[in-house]
Amino acid sequence: MNLIRSPYQADLRPMQIRFWVASALFLILAVTCASQSRSWRLQEMTYAELVRAKAGLNRLREASLNRKEALARLKAQPVDNTENKTPEMLIYWKLDEIKERLRSDDLTVAAIEKKGDKVSLPYTLKFNNHSYHEFINAIRYLQKSASPWTPISSITISQSGDPGRSGVVFTIAGNVLVNDKSKP
């Protein structure tokens, strides 16, 4: 170590102390600003989540009110008592529902058949130039039908017979079935 100091070092000593004090203050200020900036970002994100949650709460309230209104309307409707209807009435009711729901281009029905305790009505639906998606939805609807049952006996996909028109014809053949409750 050099024990002899130059006269210039003695003059620089107060400047060195000021430099280190200023550096420490700058470092403290930088850390404080960085943590404050992070805190503000977190507050903004929390506020955005709160706004989103409030909007979701309002949508939830609306959905609850809509559900309550729908239940009230459903309870106000007269009960459709299928026990007192004849099997033929149930079959024609189901046929009307199929016609309304599927909106086929052609609906052909045959005569009502009675075999034992089952009453059935054969039908044929034709869809001209419909999308495949609509056709699959029609099949799904007919297969999901609970009562009266609507089993599908055949499905045909063919080209349109018109020479001037190109397209696909979907044909579904099946029956509307009901158990005749009047038979023992």
Protein backbone atom coordinates (compact mmCIF):
# COMPACT_ATOMS: atom_id res chain seq x y z
CA MET A 1 0.00 0.00 0.00
CA ASN A 2 1.06 3.44 -0.72
CA LEU A 3 1.05 5.45 2.46
CA ILE A 4 1.98 8.62 0.77
CA ARG A 5 -0.98 10.44 -0.66
CA SER A 6 -0.79 12.87 -3.38
CA PRO A 7 -2.36 16.28 -2.88
CA TYR A 8 -4.85 15.50 -5.63
CA GLN A 9 -6.31 12.52 -3.78
CA ALA A 10 -7.20 14.68 -0.83
CA ASP A 11 -9.12 17.00 -3.12
CA LEU A 12 -11.02 14.07 -4.72
CA ARG A 13 -12.16 12.51 -1.46
CA PRO A 14 -15.32 14.68 -1.02
CA MET A 15 -16.22 14.03 -4.68
CA GLN A 16 -15.93 10.26 -4.20
CA ILE A 17 -18.23 10.38 -1.20
CA ARG A 18 -20.80 12.41 -3.13
CA PHE A 19 -20.56 9.97 -6.07
CA TRP A 20 -21.25 6.93 -3.87
CA VAL A 21 -24.09 8.68 -2.03
CA ALA A 22 -25.65 9.77 -5.36
CA SER A 23 -25.21 6.25 -6.78
CA ALA A 24 -26.90 4.71 -3.73
CA LEU A 25 -29.79 7.20 -3.94
CA PHE A 26 -30.17 6.52 -7.69
CA LEU A 27 -30.21 2.76 -7.05
CA ILE A 28 -32.86 3.12 -4.31
CA LEU A 29 -34.95 5.36 -6.58
CA ALA A 30 -34.68 2.91 -9.53
CA VAL A 31 -35.74 -0.07 -7.39
CA THR A 32 -38.65 1.91 -5.94
CA CYS A 33 -39.83 3.00 -9.42
CA ALA A 34 -39.58 -0.56 -10.77
CA SER A 35 -41.59 -1.99 -7.88
CA GLN A 36 -44.18 0.81 -8.19
CA SER A 37 -44.52 0.15 -11.93
CA ARG A 38 -45.05 -3.57 -11.26
CA SER A 39 -47.64 -2.72 -8.62
CA TRP A 40 -49.53 -0.48 -11.09
CA ARG A 41 -49.54 -3.24 -13.73
CA LEU A 42 -50.91 -5.71 -11.20
CA GLN A 43 -53.61 -3.23 -10.18
CA GLU A 44 -54.58 -2.67 -13.82
CA MET A 45 -54.81 -6.43 -14.41
CA THR A 46 -56.90 -6.87 -11.26
CA TYR A 47 -59.20 -4.05 -12.38
CA ALA A 48 -59.61 -5.62 -15.83
CA GLU A 49 -60.48 -8.99 -14.22
CA LEU A 50 -62.98 -7.26 -11.93
CA VAL A 51 -64.68 -5.56 -14.90
CA ARG A 52 -64.81 -8.91 -16.75
CA ALA A 53 -66.25 -10.64 -13.68
CA LYS A 54 -68.93 -7.97 -13.27
CA ALA A 55 -69.92 -8.35 -16.92
CA GLY A 56 -70.10 -12.13 -16.43
CA LEU A 57 -72.24 -11.60 -13.34
CA ASN A 58 -74.66 -9.44 -15.34
CA ARG A 59 -74.87 -12.10 -18.07
CA LEU A 60 -75.48 -14.70 -15.37
CA ARG A 61 -78.32 -12.62 -13.90
CA GLU A 62 -79.88 -12.23 -17.37
CA ALA A 63 -79.62 -15.96 -18.01
CA SER A 64 -81.22 -16.69 -14.64
CA LEU A 65 -84.08 -14.30 -15.40
CA ASN A 66 -84.54 -15.81 -18.87
CA ARG A 67 -84.61 -19.29 -17.34
CA LYS A 68 -87.20 -18.22 -14.79
CA GLU A 69 -89.34 -16.62 -17.52
CA ALA A 70 -89.06 -19.73 -19.68
CA LEU A 71 -90.09 -21.95 -16.76
CA ALA A 72 -93.04 -19.67 -16.02
CA ARG A 73 -94.16 -19.83 -19.67
CA LEU A 74 -93.72 -23.59 -19.69
CA LYS A 75 -95.81 -23.96 -16.54
CA ALA A 76 -98.48 -21.68 -18.00
CA GLN A 77 -98.90 -23.83 -21.12
CA PRO A 78 -101.58 -26.47 -21.02
CA VAL A 79 -100.35 -29.96 -20.34
CA ASP A 80 -100.36 -32.15 -23.44
CA ASN A 81 -101.97 -35.29 -22.08
CA THR A 82 -100.95 -38.06 -24.47
CA GLU A 83 -102.67 -40.76 -22.44
CA ASN A 84 -106.13 -39.77 -23.72
CA LYS A 85 -105.11 -39.55 -27.38
CA THR A 86 -105.59 -42.36 -29.82
CA PRO A 87 -102.51 -43.91 -31.45
CA GLU A 88 -103.57 -42.44 -34.80
CA MET A 89 -103.68 -38.93 -33.30
CA LEU A 90 -100.21 -39.42 -31.84
CA ILE A 91 -98.87 -40.63 -35.19
CA TYR A 92 -100.33 -37.67 -37.09
CA TRP A 93 -99.06 -35.29 -34.41
CA LYS A 94 -95.55 -36.75 -34.78
CA LEU A 95 -95.78 -36.57 -38.58
CA ASP A 96 -96.67 -32.87 -38.35
CA GLU A 97 -93.72 -32.34 -36.04
CA ILE A 98 -91.37 -34.11 -38.48
CA LYS A 99 -92.69 -32.04 -41.38
CA GLU A 100 -92.28 -28.79 -39.42
CA ARG A 101 -88.85 -29.59 -38.00
CA LEU A 102 -87.07 -31.19 -40.96
CA ARG A 103 -88.60 -29.17 -43.82
CA SER A 104 -88.10 -31.87 -46.41
CA ASP A 105 -88.79 -31.24 -50.09
CA ASP A 106 -91.13 -34.22 -50.38
CA LEU A 107 -92.99 -36.22 -47.74
CA THR A 108 -94.84 -39.36 -48.74
CA VAL A 109 -96.94 -41.45 -46.35
CA ALA A 110 -98.79 -44.73 -46.76
CA ALA A 111 -101.80 -46.10 -44.90
CA ILE A 112 -101.72 -46.74 -41.16
CA GLU A 113 -100.89 -50.36 -40.35
CA LYS A 114 -101.99 -52.18 -37.18
CA LYS A 115 -100.03 -55.27 -36.18
CA GLY A 116 -100.81 -56.65 -32.74
CA ASP A 117 -100.38 -53.88 -30.19
CA LYS A 118 -98.27 -51.70 -32.56
CA VAL A 119 -99.70 -49.02 -34.84
CA SER A 120 -97.38 -47.67 -37.55
CA LEU A 121 -97.37 -45.24 -40.45
CA PRO A 122 -94.69 -45.68 -43.16
CA TYR A 123 -93.16 -42.44 -44.44
CA THR A 124 -90.55 -41.35 -46.98
CA LEU A 125 -88.67 -38.04 -46.80
CA LYS A 126 -86.76 -36.58 -49.76
CA PHE A 127 -84.22 -33.79 -49.50
CA ASN A 128 -83.04 -32.24 -52.80
CA ASN A 129 -79.77 -30.29 -52.84
CA HIS A 130 -79.59 -29.97 -49.06
CA SER A 131 -76.30 -29.98 -47.21
CA TYR A 132 -74.93 -33.18 -45.80
CA HIS A 133 -74.96 -31.57 -42.36
CA GLU A 134 -78.74 -30.98 -42.54
CA PHE A 135 -79.22 -34.56 -43.70
CA ILE A 136 -77.23 -35.95 -40.74
CA ASN A 137 -79.18 -33.70 -38.35
CA ALA A 138 -82.44 -35.09 -39.78
CA ILE A 139 -81.25 -38.65 -39.19
CA ARG A 140 -80.15 -37.75 -35.66
CA TYR A 141 -83.53 -36.15 -34.93
CA LEU A 142 -85.45 -39.20 -36.19
CA GLN A 143 -83.29 -41.62 -34.20
CA LYS A 144 -83.50 -39.58 -30.99
CA SER A 145 -87.28 -39.40 -31.10
CA ALA A 146 -88.65 -41.13 -28.00
CA SER A 147 -92.37 -41.46 -28.37
CA PRO A 148 -93.85 -41.99 -30.94
CA TRP A 149 -90.78 -43.80 -32.23
CA THR A 150 -89.48 -43.10 -35.70
CA PRO A 151 -87.11 -45.91 -36.69
CA ILE A 152 -85.40 -45.54 -40.04
CA SER A 153 -85.68 -48.53 -42.36
CA SER A 154 -83.54 -47.25 -45.27
CA ILE A 155 -81.40 -44.32 -46.38
CA THR A 156 -80.62 -43.59 -50.03
CA ILE A 157 -78.19 -41.03 -51.45
CA SER A 158 -78.35 -40.51 -55.22
CA GLN A 159 -77.69 -38.01 -57.98
CA SER A 160 -80.53 -35.79 -59.13
CA GLY A 161 -82.38 -37.28 -62.13
CA ASP A 162 -82.92 -33.91 -63.83
CA PRO A 163 -80.49 -33.48 -66.77
CA GLY A 164 -80.44 -29.68 -66.39
CA ARG A 165 -79.88 -29.69 -62.62
CA SER A 166 -77.03 -31.25 -60.75
CA GLY A 167 -77.41 -32.16 -57.14
CA VAL A 168 -77.77 -34.85 -54.56
CA VAL A 169 -81.04 -36.39 -53.40
CA PHE A 170 -81.19 -37.78 -49.88
CA THR A 171 -84.07 -40.17 -49.16
CA ILE A 172 -85.05 -41.48 -45.73
CA ALA A 173 -87.69 -44.19 -45.35
CA GLY A 174 -89.07 -45.28 -42.01
CA ASN A 175 -92.11 -45.70 -39.78
CA VAL A 176 -93.80 -43.77 -37.04
CA LEU A 177 -94.57 -46.37 -34.35
CA VAL A 178 -96.90 -46.22 -31.35
CA ASN A 179 -97.93 -48.89 -28.88
CA ASP A 180 -101.72 -49.28 -28.82
CA LYS A 181 -102.55 -49.07 -25.11
CA SER A 182 -106.16 -50.11 -25.61
CA LYS A 183 -105.05 -53.69 -26.43
CA PRO A 184 -104.69 -55.99 -23.42
